[in-house]
């Protein structure tokens, strides 16, 4: 492992496979926040990609990628989706459920010939055992394959995909993160790292901590939004109970509970560490928050 990607004394270590980089990869959640960027980055590298999705007939995937029927809850899709694949990008299903099913699928993938697995985890997973990501990491580390855990910080895309409506309509961002700092990362950068780890000849087993270039409080996030959007955006820091009252009607209980876990990581000071892993692995600088807001300005105004 290179750069400043962290490894703790009890961090799970994957088993390195003897082969080079993956040449045929199944990407789960291929149309999701990170998956779509993994698919695009792999295609840019000339890697064959199966874009796993529940509705392949309606999937919008990059040219050259094969939209492939896949559903953790439908084991009959596993074999056809995996047939011939040697790499796997693994994403936890929405809501954080299905740890056993995901581990079962990963085991099936290894049995069919996959020898390089990248799992999208979360920054601080090793310190937050109540999150499912750590349990999955431990299960994956026991497999006879090169397993890498992308412990990504909070995605900048959550501002556009989760909070854009309240920013547009209420002029506020409402999260129970206190004054904690978060080293926000662009999902496009995470996707680029995932593709590199899968495709590069040199294996990178174990955890890689992925962050943006700076750790910001949500007060500073609100300031960045206010500056770029040219309107006042406030930061409201409710209690967990008040946040759930605000969030559950909009996003559902399961998703809101996962959000509470992630924001708790920030409030406890576990989400503010900055690494240079994006630059080390990809050779490019990570995206800054203000650059992201400028790029995605329409999401906050239309």
Protein backbone atom coordinates (compact mmCIF):
# COMPACT_ATOMS: atom_id res chain seq x y z
CA UNK A 1 0.00 0.00 0.00
CA UNK A 2 1.29 3.44 -0.88
CA UNK A 3 0.68 7.05 0.04
CA UNK A 4 -0.91 7.87 3.37
CA UNK A 5 -3.69 5.34 3.18
CA UNK A 6 -4.06 4.18 6.74
CA UNK A 7 -3.67 0.75 8.21
CA UNK A 8 -4.27 0.04 11.87
CA UNK A 9 -2.82 -2.78 13.90
CA UNK A 10 -5.99 -4.84 13.63
CA UNK A 11 -6.86 -3.87 10.07
CA UNK A 12 -7.82 -6.84 7.91
CA UNK A 13 -5.30 -7.72 5.25
CA UNK A 14 -6.37 -9.30 2.00
CA UNK A 15 -4.58 -12.19 0.38
CA UNK A 16 -2.68 -11.16 -2.73
CA UNK A 17 -3.51 -13.07 -5.89
CA UNK A 18 -0.66 -14.07 -8.20
CA UNK A 19 -2.21 -12.57 -11.34
CA UNK A 20 -1.88 -9.10 -12.82
CA UNK A 21 -4.68 -6.56 -13.01
CA UNK A 22 -8.25 -7.53 -13.74
CA UNK A 23 -9.26 -7.62 -17.40
CA UNK A 24 -13.01 -8.31 -17.07
CA UNK A 25 -14.82 -6.66 -14.15
CA UNK A 26 -18.34 -6.87 -12.74
CA UNK A 27 -19.29 -3.55 -11.15
CA UNK A 28 -22.23 -3.80 -8.76
CA UNK A 29 -24.48 -0.75 -8.31
CA UNK A 30 -23.06 0.29 -11.67
CA UNK A 31 -25.41 3.23 -12.16
CA UNK A 32 -24.95 4.52 -8.60
CA UNK A 33 -22.97 7.40 -7.13
CA UNK A 34 -19.58 5.69 -7.35
CA UNK A 35 -20.28 2.72 -9.59
CA UNK A 36 -20.91 4.81 -12.68
CA UNK A 37 -17.51 6.45 -12.26
CA UNK A 38 -15.81 3.08 -11.80
CA UNK A 39 -17.43 1.84 -15.02
CA UNK A 40 -16.32 4.92 -16.97
CA UNK A 41 -12.76 4.83 -15.59
CA UNK A 42 -12.37 1.12 -16.35
CA UNK A 43 -13.60 1.64 -19.91
CA UNK A 44 -11.09 4.48 -20.30
CA UNK A 45 -8.41 1.92 -19.38
CA UNK A 46 -9.69 -0.57 -21.94
CA UNK A 47 -10.98 -3.04 -19.35
CA UNK A 48 -14.07 -5.10 -20.21
CA UNK A 49 -16.92 -4.09 -17.88
CA UNK A 50 -20.19 -5.73 -16.87
CA UNK A 51 -22.35 -2.95 -15.44
CA UNK A 52 -24.42 -4.79 -12.85
CA UNK A 53 -27.92 -3.40 -12.39
CA UNK A 54 -31.40 -4.62 -11.57
CA UNK A 55 -32.79 -3.14 -14.80
CA UNK A 56 -30.22 -3.57 -17.56
CA UNK A 57 -32.77 -2.68 -20.23
CA UNK A 58 -33.14 0.82 -18.76
CA UNK A 59 -29.53 1.36 -17.64
CA UNK A 60 -27.55 4.29 -19.02
CA UNK A 61 -23.97 3.00 -19.16
CA UNK A 62 -20.87 4.25 -21.00
CA UNK A 63 -20.16 3.02 -24.50
CA UNK A 64 -18.45 -0.35 -24.47
CA UNK A 65 -19.82 -1.41 -21.06
CA UNK A 66 -22.29 -4.29 -21.00
CA UNK A 67 -25.42 -3.62 -18.94
CA UNK A 68 -25.84 -6.85 -16.98
CA UNK A 69 -28.72 -8.14 -14.88
CA UNK A 70 -27.60 -8.39 -11.26
CA UNK A 71 -29.40 -8.35 -7.93
CA UNK A 72 -28.05 -9.50 -4.54
CA UNK A 73 -31.56 -10.68 -3.73
CA UNK A 74 -31.79 -12.87 -6.85
CA UNK A 75 -29.01 -15.49 -6.70
CA UNK A 76 -30.03 -16.76 -10.12
CA UNK A 77 -28.45 -13.57 -11.56
CA UNK A 78 -25.09 -14.20 -9.92
CA UNK A 79 -23.70 -16.91 -12.19
CA UNK A 80 -24.43 -15.22 -15.53
CA UNK A 81 -23.14 -11.87 -14.23
CA UNK A 82 -19.89 -13.45 -13.00
CA UNK A 83 -19.22 -15.86 -15.85
CA UNK A 84 -15.69 -15.10 -17.08
CA UNK A 85 -15.08 -12.13 -14.74
CA UNK A 86 -11.77 -11.84 -12.89
CA UNK A 87 -12.49 -8.59 -11.01
CA UNK A 88 -15.35 -7.32 -8.84
CA UNK A 89 -16.33 -3.89 -7.54
CA UNK A 90 -18.57 -4.48 -4.55
CA UNK A 91 -21.06 -1.98 -3.10
CA UNK A 92 -23.22 -2.45 0.01
CA UNK A 93 -26.93 -2.38 -0.90
CA UNK A 94 -28.85 0.77 0.11
CA UNK A 95 -29.91 0.85 3.75
CA UNK A 96 -26.94 -1.16 4.97
CA UNK A 97 -28.78 -4.49 5.01
CA UNK A 98 -27.61 -7.81 3.60
CA UNK A 99 -24.15 -8.32 5.10
CA UNK A 100 -24.48 -12.11 4.94
CA UNK A 101 -25.88 -12.04 1.41
CA UNK A 102 -23.11 -9.76 0.17
CA UNK A 103 -20.45 -11.99 1.74
CA UNK A 104 -22.10 -15.06 0.22
CA UNK A 105 -22.03 -13.43 -3.19
CA UNK A 106 -18.35 -12.49 -2.83
CA UNK A 107 -17.51 -16.09 -1.93
CA UNK A 108 -19.41 -17.26 -5.00
CA UNK A 109 -17.45 -14.78 -7.13
CA UNK A 110 -14.12 -16.16 -5.93
CA UNK A 111 -15.26 -19.70 -6.64
CA UNK A 112 -16.05 -18.72 -10.24
CA UNK A 113 -12.61 -17.18 -10.85
CA UNK A 114 -12.64 -13.62 -9.48
CA UNK A 115 -9.28 -12.95 -7.86
CA UNK A 116 -9.40 -9.18 -7.31
CA UNK A 117 -12.16 -7.55 -5.25
CA UNK A 118 -12.56 -3.88 -4.38
CA UNK A 119 -15.17 -3.07 -1.72
CA UNK A 120 -16.56 0.43 -1.24
CA UNK A 121 -16.29 0.97 2.52
CA UNK A 122 -16.37 4.13 4.63
CA UNK A 123 -13.71 6.20 6.36
CA UNK A 124 -13.36 5.20 10.00
CA UNK A 125 -14.96 1.78 9.49
CA UNK A 126 -12.31 0.22 11.70
CA UNK A 127 -13.41 2.52 14.55
CA UNK A 128 -17.16 2.21 13.98
CA UNK A 129 -18.03 -1.47 14.47
CA UNK A 130 -21.77 -0.69 14.52
CA UNK A 131 -21.59 0.06 10.78
CA UNK A 132 -21.96 -2.97 8.49
CA UNK A 133 -18.89 -2.03 6.45
CA UNK A 134 -16.44 -3.34 9.06
CA UNK A 135 -18.19 -6.70 9.27
CA UNK A 136 -18.05 -7.02 5.50
CA UNK A 137 -14.36 -6.09 5.45
CA UNK A 138 -13.61 -8.92 7.87
CA UNK A 139 -15.56 -11.43 5.80
CA UNK A 140 -13.88 -10.36 2.57
CA UNK A 141 -10.39 -10.42 4.08
CA UNK A 142 -10.76 -14.16 4.68
CA UNK A 143 -11.28 -14.90 0.98
CA UNK A 144 -8.44 -16.26 -1.22
CA UNK A 145 -8.34 -13.16 -3.41
CA UNK A 146 -6.74 -9.73 -3.43
CA UNK A 147 -9.22 -7.65 -1.44
CA UNK A 148 -9.01 -3.88 -1.16
CA UNK A 149 -11.27 -1.67 0.94
CA UNK A 150 -11.86 1.87 -0.29
CA UNK A 151 -12.59 3.64 2.98
CA UNK A 152 -14.06 6.74 1.41
CA UNK A 153 -14.87 9.90 3.28
CA UNK A 154 -18.28 11.55 2.89
CA UNK A 155 -19.11 12.05 -0.77
CA UNK A 156 -19.47 15.56 -2.12
CA UNK A 157 -22.33 14.10 -4.17
CA UNK A 158 -24.41 13.81 -1.00
CA UNK A 159 -24.81 17.56 -1.25
CA UNK A 160 -26.42 17.14 -4.69
CA UNK A 161 -28.14 13.78 -4.33
CA UNK A 162 -29.37 14.02 -0.72
CA UNK A 163 -29.36 17.64 0.41
CA UNK A 164 -29.93 19.64 -2.79
CA UNK A 165 -33.70 20.03 -2.23
CA UNK A 166 -33.33 21.48 1.26
CA UNK A 167 -30.51 23.73 0.07
CA UNK A 168 -32.67 25.01 -2.81
CA UNK A 169 -35.97 25.27 -0.92
CA UNK A 170 -34.93 26.03 2.67
CA UNK A 171 -31.59 27.75 2.14
CA UNK A 172 -30.03 25.38 4.66
CA UNK A 173 -28.09 22.17 5.09
CA UNK A 174 -29.40 20.13 8.02
CA UNK A 175 -27.08 17.43 9.43
CA UNK A 176 -26.20 16.28 12.98
CA UNK A 177 -22.43 16.67 12.55
CA UNK A 178 -21.83 19.33 15.20
CA UNK A 179 -18.58 21.19 14.65
CA UNK A 180 -16.78 18.12 13.38
CA UNK A 181 -14.67 18.28 10.25
CA UNK A 182 -15.18 16.12 7.17
CA UNK A 183 -12.64 15.54 4.41
CA UNK A 184 -15.26 15.43 1.64
CA UNK A 185 -14.28 13.40 -1.44
CA UNK A 186 -15.61 13.53 -4.99
CA UNK A 187 -17.16 10.19 -6.03
CA UNK A 188 -15.43 10.61 -9.40
CA UNK A 189 -12.09 10.49 -7.58
CA UNK A 190 -13.18 7.38 -5.68
CA UNK A 191 -14.21 5.76 -8.95
CA UNK A 192 -10.85 6.55 -10.48
CA UNK A 193 -9.06 4.94 -7.54
CA UNK A 194 -11.31 1.88 -7.71
CA UNK A 195 -10.59 1.41 -11.40
CA UNK A 196 -6.85 1.81 -10.85
CA UNK A 197 -6.79 -0.73 -8.02
CA UNK A 198 -8.70 -3.24 -10.14
CA UNK A 199 -6.73 -2.75 -13.35
CA UNK A 200 -3.17 -1.98 -12.26
CA UNK A 201 -0.77 -4.95 -12.30
CA UNK A 202 0.46 -4.16 -8.76
CA UNK A 203 -2.06 -5.38 -6.15
CA UNK A 204 -3.04 -3.10 -3.26
CA UNK A 205 -4.52 -5.34 -0.55
CA UNK A 206 -6.02 -3.98 2.64
CA UNK A 207 -7.58 -0.55 3.36
CA UNK A 208 -7.12 2.64 1.37
CA UNK A 209 -8.43 5.82 3.00
CA UNK A 210 -9.78 8.24 0.40
CA UNK A 211 -10.40 11.92 1.09
CA UNK A 212 -10.53 15.25 -0.60
CA UNK A 213 -7.79 17.88 -0.19
CA UNK A 214 -9.17 19.53 2.98
CA UNK A 215 -11.22 18.81 6.09
CA UNK A 216 -14.14 21.21 6.44
CA UNK A 217 -16.81 21.89 9.03
CA UNK A 218 -20.37 22.18 7.79
CA UNK A 219 -20.15 25.88 8.61
CA UNK A 220 -17.42 26.05 5.95
CA UNK A 221 -19.52 23.95 3.58
CA UNK A 222 -22.37 26.42 3.99
CA UNK A 223 -19.95 29.28 3.33
CA UNK A 224 -18.73 27.60 0.12
CA UNK A 225 -22.29 27.05 -1.05
CA UNK A 226 -23.20 30.64 -0.22
CA UNK A 227 -20.23 32.02 -2.15
CA UNK A 228 -20.68 29.92 -5.29
CA UNK A 229 -24.49 30.15 -5.37
CA UNK A 230 -24.49 33.84 -4.44
CA UNK A 231 -27.17 33.37 -1.76
CA UNK A 232 -27.12 32.73 1.95
CA UNK A 233 -27.02 29.04 2.89
CA UNK A 234 -27.17 28.27 6.62
CA UNK A 235 -25.90 25.26 8.52
CA UNK A 236 -28.36 23.80 11.01
CA UNK A 237 -26.96 21.17 13.40
CA UNK A 238 -29.89 19.36 15.01
CA UNK A 239 -29.76 16.57 17.57
CA UNK A 240 -29.95 13.03 16.22
CA UNK A 241 -33.61 12.78 17.21
CA UNK A 242 -34.47 16.09 15.52
CA UNK A 243 -32.52 15.05 12.43
CA UNK A 244 -34.47 11.80 12.17
CA UNK A 245 -37.75 13.74 12.41
CA UNK A 246 -36.52 15.92 9.55
CA UNK A 247 -34.98 13.15 7.44
CA UNK A 248 -37.19 10.06 7.76
CA UNK A 249 -40.20 11.53 5.91
CA UNK A 250 -37.88 12.51 3.06
CA UNK A 251 -35.49 9.54 2.90
CA UNK A 252 -36.92 6.68 4.94
CA UNK A 253 -35.76 5.21 8.24
CA UNK A 254 -33.09 2.78 6.98
CA UNK A 255 -31.26 5.37 4.88
CA UNK A 256 -31.57 8.03 7.58
CA UNK A 257 -30.10 5.63 10.15
CA UNK A 258 -27.06 5.04 7.95
CA UNK A 259 -26.68 8.80 7.59
CA UNK A 260 -26.74 9.18 11.38
CA UNK A 261 -23.87 6.71 11.63
CA UNK A 262 -21.81 8.62 9.09
CA UNK A 263 -22.53 12.02 10.65
CA UNK A 264 -21.69 10.59 14.06
CA UNK A 265 -18.26 9.75 12.67
CA UNK A 266 -17.81 13.42 11.77
CA UNK A 267 -19.15 14.68 15.10
CA UNK A 268 -16.74 12.41 16.98
CA UNK A 269 -13.78 13.71 15.00
CA UNK A 270 -13.24 10.53 12.99
CA UNK A 271 -13.90 11.97 9.52
CA UNK A 272 -11.44 14.84 9.35
CA UNK A 273 -8.18 13.14 8.46
CA UNK A 274 -6.78 14.11 5.06
CA UNK A 275 -4.75 11.68 2.93
CA UNK A 276 -2.96 11.92 -0.39
CA UNK A 277 -4.17 8.51 -1.60
CA UNK A 278 -6.17 9.86 -4.55
CA UNK A 279 -3.08 11.59 -5.91
CA UNK A 280 -0.78 8.65 -5.13
CA UNK A 281 -2.98 6.06 -6.83
CA UNK A 282 -4.30 8.08 -9.78
CA UNK A 283 -1.62 10.74 -10.32
CA UNK A 284 -4.18 13.56 -10.19
CA UNK A 285 -5.16 16.02 -7.49
CA UNK A 286 -8.43 15.36 -5.63
CA UNK A 287 -11.35 17.69 -6.32
CA UNK A 288 -11.83 20.64 -3.96
CA UNK A 289 -15.32 21.30 -2.60
CA UNK A 290 -15.75 24.72 -4.21
CA UNK A 291 -14.74 23.26 -7.57
CA UNK A 292 -17.35 20.56 -7.10
CA UNK A 293 -20.09 23.07 -6.23
CA UNK A 294 -19.21 25.17 -9.28
CA UNK A 295 -19.32 22.05 -11.48
CA UNK A 296 -22.68 20.94 -10.05
CA UNK A 297 -24.20 24.40 -9.55
CA UNK A 298 -27.36 23.53 -11.48
CA UNK A 299 -28.32 20.89 -8.89
CA UNK A 300 -28.69 23.61 -6.27
CA UNK A 301 -30.52 26.12 -8.42
CA UNK A 302 -32.88 24.26 -10.78
